[in-house]
C-alpha cells in the first residue's frame, strides 16, 4: 500500500496564524512541512515536554521541550493587510507560471 501525499499550499518560512485549538490566535514561522502526515511544524506552537533517560548528552536524564507538528487545516497564512489568517489560491500568470495568492485580498505571496 502506497502512502498518500497531501497537497499542502503552505511552504517553509511562511508566517502562519493558528485558527483552532490550544494555540488559537498565535502566529509563528513554518519550520517544516510534512506532506505525508498532512501537518506542518510551526515555531513556538505545539510544544511538548519529553522525559529522556540518561544518555551521553544528558547524563542525569532531562525533560526536553520539543516542537511537534500541527494539522495543516488548523493554520492559515498570515495576511498582513487584514492582520488575520487567510487561505491560499493559485493564479496563472501571463507567462504561464503559477503564483500563490491570498484569498482575502488577492495579493500575491512573495
N, C-alpha and C. Protein backbone atom coordinates (compact mmCIF):
# COMPACT_ATOMS: atom_id res chain seq x y z
N UNK A 1 0.84 -1.19 0.00
CA UNK A 1 0.00 0.00 0.00
C UNK A 1 0.88 1.25 0.00
N UNK A 2 0.52 2.19 -0.85
CA UNK A 2 1.31 3.41 -1.01
C UNK A 2 0.84 4.49 -0.05
N UNK A 3 1.80 5.24 0.49
CA UNK A 3 1.46 6.35 1.39
C UNK A 3 0.86 7.49 0.59
N UNK A 4 -0.15 8.12 1.15
CA UNK A 4 -0.77 9.26 0.48
C UNK A 4 0.04 10.51 0.76
N UNK A 5 0.28 11.29 -0.29
CA UNK A 5 0.99 12.56 -0.15
C UNK A 5 -0.03 13.66 -0.38
N UNK A 6 -0.23 14.51 0.63
CA UNK A 6 -1.21 15.58 0.56
C UNK A 6 -0.62 16.81 -0.12
N UNK A 7 -1.48 17.58 -0.79
CA UNK A 7 -1.06 18.81 -1.42
C UNK A 7 -1.17 19.92 -0.38
N UNK A 8 -0.03 20.40 0.10
CA UNK A 8 -0.01 21.45 1.11
C UNK A 8 0.43 22.74 0.44
N UNK A 9 -0.41 23.76 0.54
CA UNK A 9 -0.13 25.04 -0.10
C UNK A 9 0.80 25.92 0.73
N UNK A 10 0.91 25.63 2.02
CA UNK A 10 1.79 26.39 2.90
C UNK A 10 3.21 25.86 2.73
N UNK A 11 4.15 26.78 2.62
CA UNK A 11 5.55 26.42 2.40
C UNK A 11 6.40 26.77 3.62
N UNK A 12 7.61 26.26 3.63
CA UNK A 12 8.57 26.56 4.70
C UNK A 12 8.86 28.06 4.70
N UNK A 13 9.05 28.63 5.88
CA UNK A 13 9.34 30.06 6.11
C UNK A 13 8.12 30.97 5.94
N UNK A 14 6.92 30.43 5.71
CA UNK A 14 5.70 31.25 5.69
C UNK A 14 5.33 31.60 7.13
N UNK A 15 4.74 32.78 7.33
CA UNK A 15 4.21 33.15 8.63
C UNK A 15 2.75 32.74 8.66
N UNK A 16 2.39 31.94 9.67
CA UNK A 16 1.03 31.43 9.75
C UNK A 16 0.39 31.79 11.09
N UNK A 17 -0.95 31.77 11.10
CA UNK A 17 -1.75 32.01 12.31
C UNK A 17 -2.51 30.72 12.60
N UNK A 18 -2.52 30.32 13.87
CA UNK A 18 -3.27 29.13 14.27
C UNK A 18 -4.73 29.52 14.41
N UNK A 19 -5.61 28.77 13.73
CA UNK A 19 -7.04 29.09 13.68
C UNK A 19 -7.86 28.34 14.72
N UNK A 20 -7.35 27.22 15.22
CA UNK A 20 -8.14 26.39 16.14
C UNK A 20 -7.24 25.70 17.13
N UNK A 21 -7.81 25.35 18.27
CA UNK A 21 -7.10 24.57 19.28
C UNK A 21 -6.48 25.40 20.38
N UNK A 22 -5.60 24.79 21.11
CA UNK A 22 -4.97 25.37 22.29
C UNK A 22 -4.19 26.65 21.98
N UNK A 23 -3.59 26.72 20.80
CA UNK A 23 -2.74 27.85 20.42
C UNK A 23 -3.46 28.84 19.49
N UNK A 24 -4.78 28.84 19.50
CA UNK A 24 -5.57 29.70 18.61
C UNK A 24 -5.16 31.17 18.73
N UNK A 25 -4.95 31.82 17.58
CA UNK A 25 -4.59 33.23 17.55
C UNK A 25 -3.09 33.50 17.55
N UNK A 26 -2.27 32.50 17.86
CA UNK A 26 -0.83 32.68 17.91
C UNK A 26 -0.24 32.60 16.50
N UNK A 27 0.81 33.38 16.26
CA UNK A 27 1.48 33.35 14.96
C UNK A 27 2.86 32.76 15.11
N UNK A 28 3.36 32.21 14.03
CA UNK A 28 4.69 31.63 14.03
C UNK A 28 5.16 31.34 12.62
N UNK A 29 6.42 31.00 12.51
CA UNK A 29 7.04 30.72 11.22
C UNK A 29 7.07 29.21 11.01
N UNK A 30 6.78 28.76 9.80
CA UNK A 30 6.77 27.33 9.48
C UNK A 30 8.22 26.86 9.40
N UNK A 31 8.55 25.87 10.22
CA UNK A 31 9.90 25.30 10.24
C UNK A 31 10.01 24.17 9.22
N UNK A 32 8.96 23.32 9.17
CA UNK A 32 8.98 22.17 8.27
C UNK A 32 7.58 21.84 7.81
N UNK A 33 7.49 21.23 6.63
CA UNK A 33 6.21 20.78 6.06
C UNK A 33 6.29 19.27 5.91
N UNK A 34 5.24 18.56 6.34
CA UNK A 34 5.20 17.10 6.29
C UNK A 34 4.02 16.66 5.40
N UNK A 35 4.23 16.54 4.08
CA UNK A 35 3.12 16.21 3.17
C UNK A 35 2.50 14.82 3.39
N UNK A 36 3.29 13.85 3.86
CA UNK A 36 2.72 12.51 4.09
C UNK A 36 1.84 12.47 5.33
N UNK A 37 2.11 13.35 6.30
CA UNK A 37 1.32 13.41 7.53
C UNK A 37 0.20 14.44 7.45
N UNK A 38 0.22 15.32 6.44
CA UNK A 38 -0.70 16.45 6.29
C UNK A 38 -0.56 17.42 7.47
N UNK A 39 0.69 17.64 7.89
CA UNK A 39 0.98 18.50 9.03
C UNK A 39 2.11 19.47 8.72
N UNK A 40 2.18 20.54 9.52
CA UNK A 40 3.29 21.49 9.44
C UNK A 40 3.83 21.71 10.85
N UNK A 41 5.14 21.97 10.94
CA UNK A 41 5.76 22.29 12.22
C UNK A 41 5.95 23.79 12.27
N UNK A 42 5.36 24.42 13.30
CA UNK A 42 5.41 25.88 13.43
C UNK A 42 6.21 26.24 14.68
N UNK A 43 7.09 27.23 14.52
CA UNK A 43 7.96 27.67 15.61
C UNK A 43 7.15 28.20 16.79
N UNK A 44 7.37 27.64 17.97
CA UNK A 44 6.71 28.09 19.19
C UNK A 44 5.29 27.58 19.39
N UNK A 45 4.82 26.72 18.49
CA UNK A 45 3.46 26.18 18.58
C UNK A 45 3.53 24.67 18.82
N UNK A 46 2.64 24.16 19.66
CA UNK A 46 2.53 22.73 19.97
C UNK A 46 3.83 22.19 20.58
N UNK A 47 4.29 22.87 21.63
CA UNK A 47 5.50 22.45 22.33
C UNK A 47 5.12 21.42 23.40
N UNK A 48 5.83 20.29 23.38
CA UNK A 48 5.58 19.23 24.36
C UNK A 48 6.86 18.96 25.14
N UNK A 49 6.69 18.42 26.35
CA UNK A 49 7.84 18.06 27.17
C UNK A 49 8.03 16.55 27.10
N UNK A 50 9.26 16.15 26.79
CA UNK A 50 9.58 14.73 26.68
C UNK A 50 10.62 14.38 27.73
N UNK A 51 10.35 13.35 28.50
CA UNK A 51 11.28 12.90 29.52
C UNK A 51 12.26 11.93 28.88
N UNK A 52 13.56 12.25 28.97
CA UNK A 52 14.56 11.39 28.37
C UNK A 52 15.35 10.66 29.45
N UNK A 53 15.73 9.43 29.13
CA UNK A 53 16.55 8.64 30.03
C UNK A 53 17.98 9.17 29.98
N UNK A 54 18.78 8.87 30.98
CA UNK A 54 20.18 9.31 30.95
C UNK A 54 20.91 8.76 29.72
N UNK A 55 21.65 9.63 29.05
CA UNK A 55 22.47 9.24 27.90
C UNK A 55 23.71 10.13 27.89
N UNK A 56 24.50 10.06 26.83
CA UNK A 56 25.74 10.85 26.78
C UNK A 56 25.47 12.35 26.79
N UNK A 57 24.42 12.76 26.10
CA UNK A 57 24.09 14.19 26.04
C UNK A 57 23.54 14.69 27.37
N UNK A 58 22.67 13.88 28.00
CA UNK A 58 22.08 14.23 29.29
C UNK A 58 22.42 13.13 30.30
N UNK A 59 23.57 13.23 30.99
CA UNK A 59 23.98 12.15 31.91
C UNK A 59 23.00 11.91 33.05
N UNK A 60 22.28 12.96 33.49
CA UNK A 60 21.31 12.82 34.58
C UNK A 60 19.92 12.47 34.07
N UNK A 61 19.72 12.56 32.75
CA UNK A 61 18.38 12.48 32.19
C UNK A 61 17.83 13.90 32.16
N UNK A 62 16.79 14.14 31.42
CA UNK A 62 16.28 15.51 31.32
C UNK A 62 14.84 15.53 30.85
N UNK A 63 14.24 16.73 30.97
CA UNK A 63 12.93 16.99 30.39
C UNK A 63 13.18 17.95 29.24
N UNK A 64 13.04 17.45 28.02
CA UNK A 64 13.35 18.22 26.81
C UNK A 64 12.07 18.75 26.20
N UNK A 65 12.08 20.02 25.77
CA UNK A 65 10.92 20.61 25.10
C UNK A 65 11.08 20.43 23.60
N UNK A 66 10.07 19.82 22.96
CA UNK A 66 10.08 19.56 21.52
C UNK A 66 8.92 20.28 20.85
N UNK A 67 9.13 20.70 19.61
CA UNK A 67 8.06 21.29 18.82
C UNK A 67 7.50 20.20 17.92
N UNK A 68 6.24 19.86 18.12
CA UNK A 68 5.60 18.79 17.35
C UNK A 68 4.77 19.38 16.21
N UNK A 69 4.53 18.60 15.15
CA UNK A 69 3.72 19.09 14.02
C UNK A 69 2.26 19.32 14.41
N UNK A 70 1.60 20.23 13.67
CA UNK A 70 0.19 20.56 13.87
C UNK A 70 -0.52 20.33 12.54
N UNK A 71 -1.79 19.97 12.58
CA UNK A 71 -2.55 19.73 11.35
C UNK A 71 -2.57 20.99 10.49
N UNK A 72 -2.40 20.82 9.20
CA UNK A 72 -2.35 21.96 8.28
C UNK A 72 -3.69 22.68 8.20
N UNK A 73 -4.78 21.98 8.49
CA UNK A 73 -6.11 22.60 8.45
C UNK A 73 -6.31 23.59 9.60
N UNK A 74 -5.50 23.49 10.64
CA UNK A 74 -5.63 24.38 11.79
C UNK A 74 -4.88 25.69 11.63
N UNK A 75 -4.09 25.82 10.55
CA UNK A 75 -3.32 27.05 10.35
C UNK A 75 -3.72 27.73 9.04
N UNK A 76 -3.57 29.05 9.03
CA UNK A 76 -3.82 29.84 7.82
C UNK A 76 -2.68 30.82 7.66
N UNK A 77 -2.33 31.13 6.43
CA UNK A 77 -1.23 32.06 6.18
C UNK A 77 -1.61 33.46 6.68
N UNK A 78 -0.65 34.18 7.23
CA UNK A 78 -0.90 35.49 7.83
C UNK A 78 -1.04 36.55 6.75
N UNK A 79 -2.17 37.25 6.75
CA UNK A 79 -2.42 38.35 5.81
C UNK A 79 -2.08 39.64 6.54
N UNK A 80 -0.98 40.29 6.13
CA UNK A 80 -0.51 41.50 6.83
C UNK A 80 -1.46 42.68 6.65
N UNK A 81 -2.24 42.71 5.57
CA UNK A 81 -3.18 43.81 5.34
C UNK A 81 -4.34 43.75 6.33
N UNK A 82 -4.92 42.56 6.53
CA UNK A 82 -6.06 42.39 7.43
C UNK A 82 -5.65 42.02 8.85
N UNK A 83 -4.39 41.59 9.02
CA UNK A 83 -3.88 41.07 10.29
C UNK A 83 -4.70 39.85 10.74
N UNK A 84 -5.10 39.03 9.78
CA UNK A 84 -5.89 37.82 10.02
C UNK A 84 -5.36 36.67 9.18
N UNK A 85 -5.76 35.43 9.50
CA UNK A 85 -5.36 34.31 8.64
C UNK A 85 -6.15 34.29 7.34
N UNK A 86 -5.53 33.76 6.31
CA UNK A 86 -6.17 33.66 5.01
C UNK A 86 -5.90 32.30 4.40
N UNK A 87 -6.71 31.95 3.40
CA UNK A 87 -6.46 30.73 2.64
C UNK A 87 -5.61 31.10 1.41
N UNK A 88 -5.12 30.10 0.73
CA UNK A 88 -4.25 30.33 -0.43
C UNK A 88 -4.92 29.78 -1.68
N UNK A 89 -4.88 30.58 -2.75
CA UNK A 89 -5.32 30.10 -4.06
C UNK A 89 -4.16 30.29 -5.02
N UNK A 90 -4.31 29.78 -6.21
CA UNK A 90 -3.27 29.92 -7.22
C UNK A 90 -3.79 30.74 -8.38
N UNK A 91 -2.87 31.48 -9.01
CA UNK A 91 -3.20 32.28 -10.18
C UNK A 91 -2.16 31.98 -11.26
N UNK A 92 -2.61 31.77 -12.49
CA UNK A 92 -1.68 31.52 -13.58
C UNK A 92 -1.37 32.86 -14.25
N UNK A 93 -0.09 33.20 -14.29
CA UNK A 93 0.35 34.47 -14.87
C UNK A 93 0.37 34.40 -16.39
N UNK A 94 0.56 35.54 -17.03
CA UNK A 94 0.57 35.62 -18.49
C UNK A 94 1.68 34.78 -19.11
N UNK A 95 2.81 34.66 -18.40
CA UNK A 95 3.93 33.87 -18.92
C UNK A 95 3.76 32.37 -18.67
N UNK A 96 2.65 31.97 -18.05
CA UNK A 96 2.36 30.56 -17.83
C UNK A 96 2.80 30.03 -16.47
N UNK A 97 3.45 30.87 -15.67
CA UNK A 97 3.89 30.42 -14.35
C UNK A 97 2.75 30.57 -13.33
N UNK A 98 2.84 29.78 -12.28
CA UNK A 98 1.82 29.79 -11.23
C UNK A 98 2.32 30.60 -10.05
N UNK A 99 1.44 31.38 -9.42
CA UNK A 99 1.83 32.11 -8.21
C UNK A 99 0.76 31.92 -7.14
N UNK A 100 1.20 31.94 -5.89
CA UNK A 100 0.27 31.81 -4.77
C UNK A 100 -0.34 33.17 -4.45
N UNK A 101 -1.65 33.17 -4.19
CA UNK A 101 -2.38 34.41 -3.94
C UNK A 101 -3.23 34.25 -2.69
N UNK A 102 -3.35 35.33 -1.89
CA UNK A 102 -4.21 35.31 -0.72
C UNK A 102 -5.67 35.40 -1.15
N UNK A 103 -6.52 34.58 -0.55
CA UNK A 103 -7.95 34.59 -0.89
C UNK A 103 -8.63 35.87 -0.42
N UNK A 104 -8.22 36.40 0.73
CA UNK A 104 -8.91 37.56 1.31
C UNK A 104 -8.69 38.83 0.51
N UNK A 105 -7.44 39.12 0.12
CA UNK A 105 -7.14 40.38 -0.55
C UNK A 105 -6.74 40.21 -2.02
N UNK A 106 -6.39 39.01 -2.44
CA UNK A 106 -5.97 38.79 -3.82
C UNK A 106 -4.52 39.20 -4.05
N UNK A 107 -3.81 39.50 -2.96
CA UNK A 107 -2.41 39.91 -3.05
C UNK A 107 -1.51 38.68 -3.25
N UNK A 108 -0.48 38.84 -4.07
CA UNK A 108 0.43 37.73 -4.33
C UNK A 108 1.36 37.50 -3.13
N UNK A 109 1.62 36.23 -2.85
CA UNK A 109 2.51 35.87 -1.76
C UNK A 109 3.92 35.76 -2.33
N UNK A 110 4.86 36.48 -1.72
CA UNK A 110 6.25 36.52 -2.17
C UNK A 110 6.68 35.29 -2.91
